[in-house]
N, C-alpha and C. Protein backbone atom coordinates (compact mmCIF):
# COMPACT_ATOMS: atom_id res chain seq x y z
N MET A 1 12.40 9.92 -71.61
CA MET A 1 12.72 10.69 -70.59
C MET A 1 12.76 10.26 -69.48
N THR A 2 13.80 10.48 -68.14
CA THR A 2 13.35 9.69 -66.79
C THR A 2 12.68 10.59 -66.03
N GLN A 3 11.45 10.20 -65.12
CA GLN A 3 10.86 11.34 -64.44
C GLN A 3 10.93 10.54 -62.77
N HIS A 4 11.43 11.34 -61.93
CA HIS A 4 11.67 11.19 -60.85
C HIS A 4 10.79 11.46 -59.98
N THR A 5 9.88 11.06 -59.46
CA THR A 5 8.90 11.80 -58.52
C THR A 5 8.16 10.51 -57.67
N ASP A 6 8.45 11.06 -56.55
CA ASP A 6 7.49 10.55 -55.41
C ASP A 6 6.08 10.24 -55.69
N LEU A 7 5.69 8.97 -55.47
CA LEU A 7 4.07 8.74 -55.77
C LEU A 7 3.70 7.94 -54.76
N PRO A 8 2.74 8.38 -54.02
CA PRO A 8 2.02 7.42 -53.44
C PRO A 8 2.03 6.28 -53.67
N SER A 9 1.95 4.63 -52.78
CA SER A 9 1.62 3.66 -53.53
C SER A 9 0.04 3.48 -54.69
N ASP A 10 -1.08 4.26 -54.61
CA ASP A 10 -2.27 4.17 -55.19
C ASP A 10 -1.90 4.73 -56.54
N LEU A 11 -1.23 4.78 -56.76
CA LEU A 11 -0.63 5.74 -58.30
C LEU A 11 0.82 4.86 -58.58
N LEU A 12 0.87 3.89 -57.98
CA LEU A 12 1.60 2.66 -58.99
C LEU A 12 0.72 2.12 -59.55
N PRO A 13 1.61 1.69 -60.79
CA PRO A 13 0.84 0.39 -61.69
C PRO A 13 0.22 -0.92 -60.92
N THR A 14 -0.84 -1.23 -61.03
CA THR A 14 -1.78 -2.19 -60.13
C THR A 14 -1.15 -3.67 -60.03
N THR A 15 -0.42 -3.91 -61.05
CA THR A 15 0.77 -5.15 -60.56
C THR A 15 1.84 -5.03 -59.76
N VAL A 16 2.10 -3.29 -59.57
CA VAL A 16 3.22 -3.04 -58.80
C VAL A 16 2.98 -3.59 -57.56
N ARG A 17 1.66 -2.24 -56.75
CA ARG A 17 0.76 -2.80 -56.02
C ARG A 17 0.34 -4.11 -55.14
N LYS A 18 -0.54 -4.83 -56.44
CA LYS A 18 -0.29 -5.65 -55.77
C LYS A 18 0.66 -7.50 -55.82
N PHE A 19 1.51 -7.16 -56.30
CA PHE A 19 2.88 -8.48 -56.14
C PHE A 19 2.62 -7.46 -54.74
N PHE A 20 3.78 -6.45 -54.90
CA PHE A 20 4.25 -5.65 -53.41
C PHE A 20 3.41 -6.16 -52.36
N ALA A 21 2.34 -6.09 -52.11
CA ALA A 21 1.29 -6.09 -51.11
C ALA A 21 1.41 -7.21 -50.82
N ALA A 22 1.37 -8.32 -51.41
CA ALA A 22 1.91 -9.75 -51.34
C ALA A 22 2.78 -10.23 -51.16
N HIS A 23 3.79 -9.72 -51.45
CA HIS A 23 5.40 -10.09 -51.10
C HIS A 23 5.63 -9.71 -50.02
N ILE A 24 5.07 -8.47 -49.26
CA ILE A 24 5.11 -7.73 -48.05
C ILE A 24 4.70 -8.84 -47.00
N VAL A 25 3.22 -10.01 -47.13
CA VAL A 25 2.79 -10.40 -46.07
C VAL A 25 3.07 -11.62 -46.23
N ARG A 26 4.27 -12.23 -47.29
CA ARG A 26 4.73 -12.97 -47.82
C ARG A 26 3.92 -14.04 -48.53
N ASP A 27 2.90 -13.87 -49.11
CA ASP A 27 2.14 -14.74 -50.25
C ASP A 27 2.49 -14.55 -50.84
N ALA A 28 3.56 -15.81 -51.53
CA ALA A 28 4.27 -16.37 -52.34
C ALA A 28 3.43 -17.07 -53.82
N ASP A 29 1.93 -17.05 -53.33
CA ASP A 29 1.03 -17.72 -54.06
C ASP A 29 0.83 -16.61 -55.02
N THR A 30 0.33 -15.26 -54.21
CA THR A 30 -0.31 -14.25 -54.80
C THR A 30 0.63 -13.55 -55.76
N ALA A 31 1.71 -13.14 -54.90
CA ALA A 31 2.85 -12.44 -55.58
C ALA A 31 3.39 -13.21 -56.55
N SER A 32 3.40 -14.63 -56.92
CA SER A 32 3.84 -14.83 -57.90
C SER A 32 3.20 -14.95 -59.51
N SER A 33 1.86 -14.86 -58.82
CA SER A 33 0.84 -14.69 -60.37
C SER A 33 1.01 -13.47 -60.75
N PHE A 34 1.86 -12.87 -59.96
CA PHE A 34 1.73 -11.25 -61.18
C PHE A 34 3.35 -11.53 -62.29
N LEU A 35 3.84 -12.22 -61.74
CA LEU A 35 5.53 -12.19 -62.76
C LEU A 35 5.03 -13.13 -63.68
N ALA A 36 5.76 -13.27 -65.07
CA ALA A 36 5.74 -13.37 -66.22
C ALA A 36 6.19 -14.59 -66.02
N GLU A 37 5.45 -15.72 -67.33
CA GLU A 37 6.20 -16.77 -66.92
C GLU A 37 7.85 -16.71 -67.19
N ASP A 38 8.60 -16.19 -67.91
CA ASP A 38 10.09 -16.35 -68.00
C ASP A 38 10.50 -14.70 -66.78
N ALA A 39 10.26 -14.59 -65.83
CA ALA A 39 10.27 -13.43 -65.02
C ALA A 39 11.68 -13.74 -64.44
N VAL A 40 12.32 -12.89 -64.26
CA VAL A 40 13.59 -12.83 -64.05
C VAL A 40 13.71 -11.85 -62.35
N ILE A 41 14.14 -12.49 -61.38
CA ILE A 41 14.15 -11.74 -59.79
C ILE A 41 16.12 -11.85 -59.55
N VAL A 42 16.51 -10.22 -59.22
CA VAL A 42 17.83 -10.58 -58.71
C VAL A 42 17.65 -9.77 -57.06
N ASP A 43 18.59 -10.49 -56.72
CA ASP A 43 18.54 -10.43 -54.97
C ASP A 43 19.74 -9.90 -54.79
N GLN A 44 20.11 -8.78 -54.26
CA GLN A 44 21.29 -8.50 -53.80
C GLN A 44 22.40 -9.52 -54.44
N ASP A 45 22.39 -9.45 -55.98
CA ASP A 45 24.01 -10.04 -56.81
C ASP A 45 23.14 -11.81 -57.11
N GLU A 46 22.43 -12.06 -56.55
CA GLU A 46 22.06 -13.82 -56.79
C GLU A 46 20.63 -13.78 -57.69
N THR A 47 20.66 -14.45 -58.79
CA THR A 47 19.91 -14.45 -60.16
C THR A 47 18.92 -15.45 -59.73
N PHE A 48 17.57 -15.30 -60.33
CA PHE A 48 16.22 -16.15 -60.05
C PHE A 48 15.62 -16.25 -61.71
N HIS A 49 15.89 -17.43 -61.78
CA HIS A 49 15.24 -17.51 -63.35
C HIS A 49 14.03 -17.80 -63.18
N GLY A 50 12.65 -17.85 -64.18
CA GLY A 50 11.59 -18.59 -64.43
C GLY A 50 10.52 -18.74 -63.29
N ARG A 51 9.42 -19.42 -63.53
CA ARG A 51 8.56 -19.82 -62.51
C ARG A 51 8.92 -20.04 -61.43
N GLU A 52 9.57 -20.95 -61.26
CA GLU A 52 9.92 -22.29 -60.45
C GLU A 52 10.89 -21.44 -59.17
N GLU A 53 11.98 -20.97 -59.72
CA GLU A 53 12.96 -20.28 -59.03
C GLU A 53 12.74 -18.70 -58.65
N THR A 54 11.78 -18.50 -59.31
CA THR A 54 10.98 -16.96 -58.56
C THR A 54 10.06 -17.32 -57.64
N TYR A 55 9.22 -18.35 -57.88
CA TYR A 55 8.44 -18.80 -56.68
C TYR A 55 9.15 -19.16 -55.43
N ALA A 56 10.48 -20.48 -55.63
CA ALA A 56 11.56 -20.66 -54.27
C ALA A 56 11.53 -19.59 -53.49
N PHE A 57 12.24 -18.63 -54.45
CA PHE A 57 12.70 -16.48 -53.94
C PHE A 57 11.53 -16.64 -52.87
N LEU A 58 10.60 -16.02 -53.45
CA LEU A 58 8.95 -15.90 -53.14
C LEU A 58 8.69 -16.01 -51.81
N ARG A 59 9.06 -17.40 -51.80
CA ARG A 59 8.37 -18.82 -50.37
C ARG A 59 9.65 -18.25 -49.30
N ASN A 60 10.86 -18.33 -49.40
CA ASN A 60 11.77 -18.40 -48.82
C ASN A 60 12.17 -16.97 -48.36
N ALA A 61 12.52 -16.05 -49.37
CA ALA A 61 12.98 -14.53 -48.92
C ALA A 61 13.00 -13.93 -47.73
N GLY A 62 13.78 -14.14 -47.08
CA GLY A 62 13.62 -13.48 -45.63
C GLY A 62 13.16 -14.00 -44.33
N SER A 63 12.76 -15.32 -44.69
CA SER A 63 12.05 -16.29 -43.66
C SER A 63 12.83 -16.50 -42.53
N GLU A 64 13.93 -16.53 -42.56
CA GLU A 64 14.52 -16.89 -41.15
C GLU A 64 15.14 -15.44 -40.83
N PHE A 65 14.05 -14.24 -40.59
CA PHE A 65 14.22 -13.29 -40.35
C PHE A 65 13.01 -12.86 -39.71
N GLU A 66 12.36 -12.17 -38.87
CA GLU A 66 11.46 -11.27 -38.73
C GLU A 66 11.51 -9.86 -38.95
N TYR A 67 11.32 -8.95 -39.47
CA TYR A 67 10.74 -7.67 -40.09
C TYR A 67 9.96 -6.93 -40.73
N THR A 68 9.85 -5.83 -40.57
CA THR A 68 8.45 -5.32 -40.89
C THR A 68 9.15 -4.25 -41.98
N THR A 69 7.89 -3.63 -42.83
CA THR A 69 8.00 -3.21 -44.36
C THR A 69 7.63 -2.35 -44.21
N GLU A 70 8.20 -1.06 -44.40
CA GLU A 70 8.02 0.19 -44.60
C GLU A 70 8.00 0.73 -46.17
N GLN A 71 7.06 1.45 -46.85
CA GLN A 71 7.22 1.71 -48.40
C GLN A 71 7.75 3.06 -47.95
N ILE A 72 8.58 4.37 -48.38
CA ILE A 72 9.45 5.23 -47.77
C ILE A 72 9.28 5.98 -49.62
N GLY A 73 9.16 5.50 -50.30
CA GLY A 73 9.04 6.13 -51.71
C GLY A 73 8.88 5.15 -53.29
N ALA A 74 8.38 6.57 -54.39
CA ALA A 74 8.39 5.19 -55.47
C ALA A 74 7.82 6.51 -56.73
N HIS A 75 8.72 5.83 -57.92
CA HIS A 75 9.02 6.92 -58.62
C HIS A 75 8.70 5.86 -60.26
N ARG A 76 8.36 6.17 -60.93
CA ARG A 76 8.13 6.32 -62.23
C ARG A 76 9.38 6.21 -63.38
N VAL A 77 9.83 5.45 -63.58
CA VAL A 77 11.35 5.76 -64.65
C VAL A 77 10.89 5.99 -65.83
N ASP A 78 9.47 4.98 -66.29
CA ASP A 78 9.22 5.36 -67.83
C ASP A 78 7.64 4.29 -67.78
N ASP A 79 7.21 3.74 -69.12
CA ASP A 79 5.59 3.61 -68.53
C ASP A 79 6.25 2.01 -67.95
N ALA A 80 7.50 1.50 -68.10
CA ALA A 80 7.56 0.01 -68.26
C ALA A 80 8.36 -0.13 -67.09
N HIS A 81 8.75 0.94 -66.33
CA HIS A 81 9.90 0.68 -65.17
C HIS A 81 9.23 1.59 -64.06
N TRP A 82 9.43 0.82 -62.80
CA TRP A 82 8.96 1.62 -61.66
C TRP A 82 9.93 1.28 -60.15
N VAL A 83 9.77 2.05 -59.36
CA VAL A 83 10.86 2.24 -58.38
C VAL A 83 10.23 1.94 -56.98
N VAL A 84 9.81 1.25 -56.54
CA VAL A 84 9.45 1.33 -55.00
C VAL A 84 11.22 1.21 -54.09
N THR A 85 11.12 1.76 -52.81
CA THR A 85 11.87 1.96 -52.23
C THR A 85 11.53 1.69 -50.25
N VAL A 86 11.58 0.58 -49.88
CA VAL A 86 11.33 0.54 -48.40
C VAL A 86 12.40 0.74 -47.53
N ARG A 87 11.60 0.72 -46.55
CA ARG A 87 12.57 0.56 -45.42
C ARG A 87 12.22 -1.09 -44.07
N LEU A 88 13.54 -1.46 -44.20
CA LEU A 88 13.21 -3.11 -43.59
C LEU A 88 13.62 -2.91 -41.90
N GLU A 89 13.06 -2.75 -41.01
CA GLU A 89 14.09 -2.87 -39.98
C GLU A 89 13.30 -4.64 -38.94
N GLY A 90 14.58 -5.00 -38.71
CA GLY A 90 14.45 -6.52 -37.95
C GLY A 90 15.62 -7.22 -37.57
N THR A 91 14.96 -8.66 -37.17
CA THR A 91 15.91 -9.18 -36.70
C THR A 91 17.68 -9.50 -37.87
N PHE A 92 17.28 -9.36 -39.02
CA PHE A 92 18.56 -9.41 -39.79
C PHE A 92 19.78 -8.23 -39.19
N PRO A 93 20.82 -8.94 -39.93
CA PRO A 93 22.23 -8.31 -39.52
C PRO A 93 22.28 -6.77 -40.01
N GLY A 94 22.47 -5.99 -39.02
CA GLY A 94 22.16 -4.79 -39.00
C GLY A 94 21.00 -3.93 -38.61
N GLY A 95 20.25 -5.03 -39.18
CA GLY A 95 18.63 -4.46 -38.17
C GLY A 95 17.61 -3.40 -39.08
N VAL A 96 18.73 -2.45 -39.98
CA VAL A 96 17.76 -1.88 -40.72
C VAL A 96 18.43 -1.59 -41.88
N ALA A 97 17.91 -1.65 -43.33
CA ALA A 97 18.14 -1.67 -44.85
C ALA A 97 16.54 -0.73 -45.30
N GLU A 98 17.43 -0.49 -46.33
CA GLU A 98 16.60 0.79 -47.46
C GLU A 98 16.87 -0.21 -48.88
N LEU A 99 15.90 -0.44 -49.62
CA LEU A 99 15.91 -1.34 -50.60
C LEU A 99 15.25 -0.58 -51.66
N ASP A 100 15.62 -0.97 -52.66
CA ASP A 100 14.97 -0.24 -54.11
C ASP A 100 14.50 -1.43 -54.80
N TYR A 101 13.10 -1.96 -55.04
CA TYR A 101 12.37 -2.55 -56.09
C TYR A 101 12.37 -2.15 -57.21
N ARG A 102 13.14 -2.35 -58.68
CA ARG A 102 13.09 -2.03 -59.76
C ARG A 102 12.55 -2.90 -60.12
N PHE A 103 11.44 -2.39 -60.78
CA PHE A 103 10.20 -3.26 -61.65
C PHE A 103 10.35 -2.74 -63.11
N ALA A 104 10.31 -4.09 -64.08
CA ALA A 104 10.19 -4.45 -65.18
C ALA A 104 8.98 -4.62 -65.69
N LEU A 105 7.67 -4.18 -66.14
CA LEU A 105 6.86 -4.43 -66.59
C LEU A 105 6.44 -4.85 -68.01
N ARG A 106 6.02 -6.06 -68.43
CA ARG A 106 5.50 -6.63 -69.55
C ARG A 106 4.25 -6.89 -69.58
N ASP A 107 3.46 -6.80 -70.28
CA ASP A 107 2.19 -7.21 -70.80
C ASP A 107 1.48 -7.23 -69.82
N SER A 108 1.36 -6.24 -68.45
CA SER A 108 1.08 -6.01 -67.41
C SER A 108 1.16 -7.17 -65.95
N LEU A 109 2.82 -7.69 -66.09
CA LEU A 109 3.53 -8.48 -65.30
C LEU A 109 4.31 -8.07 -65.10
N VAL A 110 5.19 -8.50 -64.10
CA VAL A 110 6.51 -8.23 -63.76
C VAL A 110 7.16 -9.24 -64.75
N ALA A 111 8.57 -8.48 -65.68
CA ALA A 111 8.96 -9.45 -66.04
C ALA A 111 10.51 -9.39 -65.55
N GLU A 112 10.99 -8.03 -64.78
CA GLU A 112 11.97 -8.12 -63.92
C GLU A 112 11.51 -7.63 -62.80
N LEU A 113 12.44 -8.24 -61.79
CA LEU A 113 12.13 -7.19 -60.61
C LEU A 113 14.09 -7.22 -60.19
N VAL A 114 14.54 -6.09 -59.99
CA VAL A 114 15.52 -6.21 -59.30
C VAL A 114 16.05 -5.41 -57.78
N ILE A 115 15.97 -6.29 -56.42
CA ILE A 115 16.16 -5.70 -55.32
C ILE A 115 17.93 -5.20 -55.20
N ALA A 116 17.98 -4.44 -54.44
CA ALA A 116 19.37 -3.32 -54.01
C ALA A 116 19.06 -2.89 -52.99
N ASN A 117 20.10 -2.35 -52.84
CA ASN A 117 20.49 -1.06 -51.88
C ASN A 117 19.89 -0.34 -52.50
N HIS A 118 19.65 0.94 -51.37
CA HIS A 118 18.95 1.98 -51.99
C HIS A 118 19.98 2.76 -51.24
N PRO A 119 21.04 3.69 -52.52
CA PRO A 119 22.07 4.68 -52.99
C PRO A 119 21.41 5.62 -51.50
N ALA A 120 22.84 5.50 -50.44
CA ALA A 120 23.00 6.40 -49.51
C ALA A 120 22.68 8.01 -50.02
């Protein structure tokens, strides 16, 4: 059963909270420590596989822009799947974006992360 409820960030799984906190401040070392060895990250239809590619993504994602990140929503899909919705504002084309970070957890680590535009 899918459960869509807005959650405060303190009710998200520790792995999701800590990964996201590190990712927001662009701390790729800490963020990648929450990824499974065979993790997959998909960002706007580009896919990164395994430790080396996902670390490079985390290190470089958005580095050419200045922006702020605000969590505007979160919900539990099931025990292993969580979605965090964020609003970005900055110097990138368009200046504002709302994105869903869809986490799939396995053994208390992020096995898959899909970053996509939040449906309007």
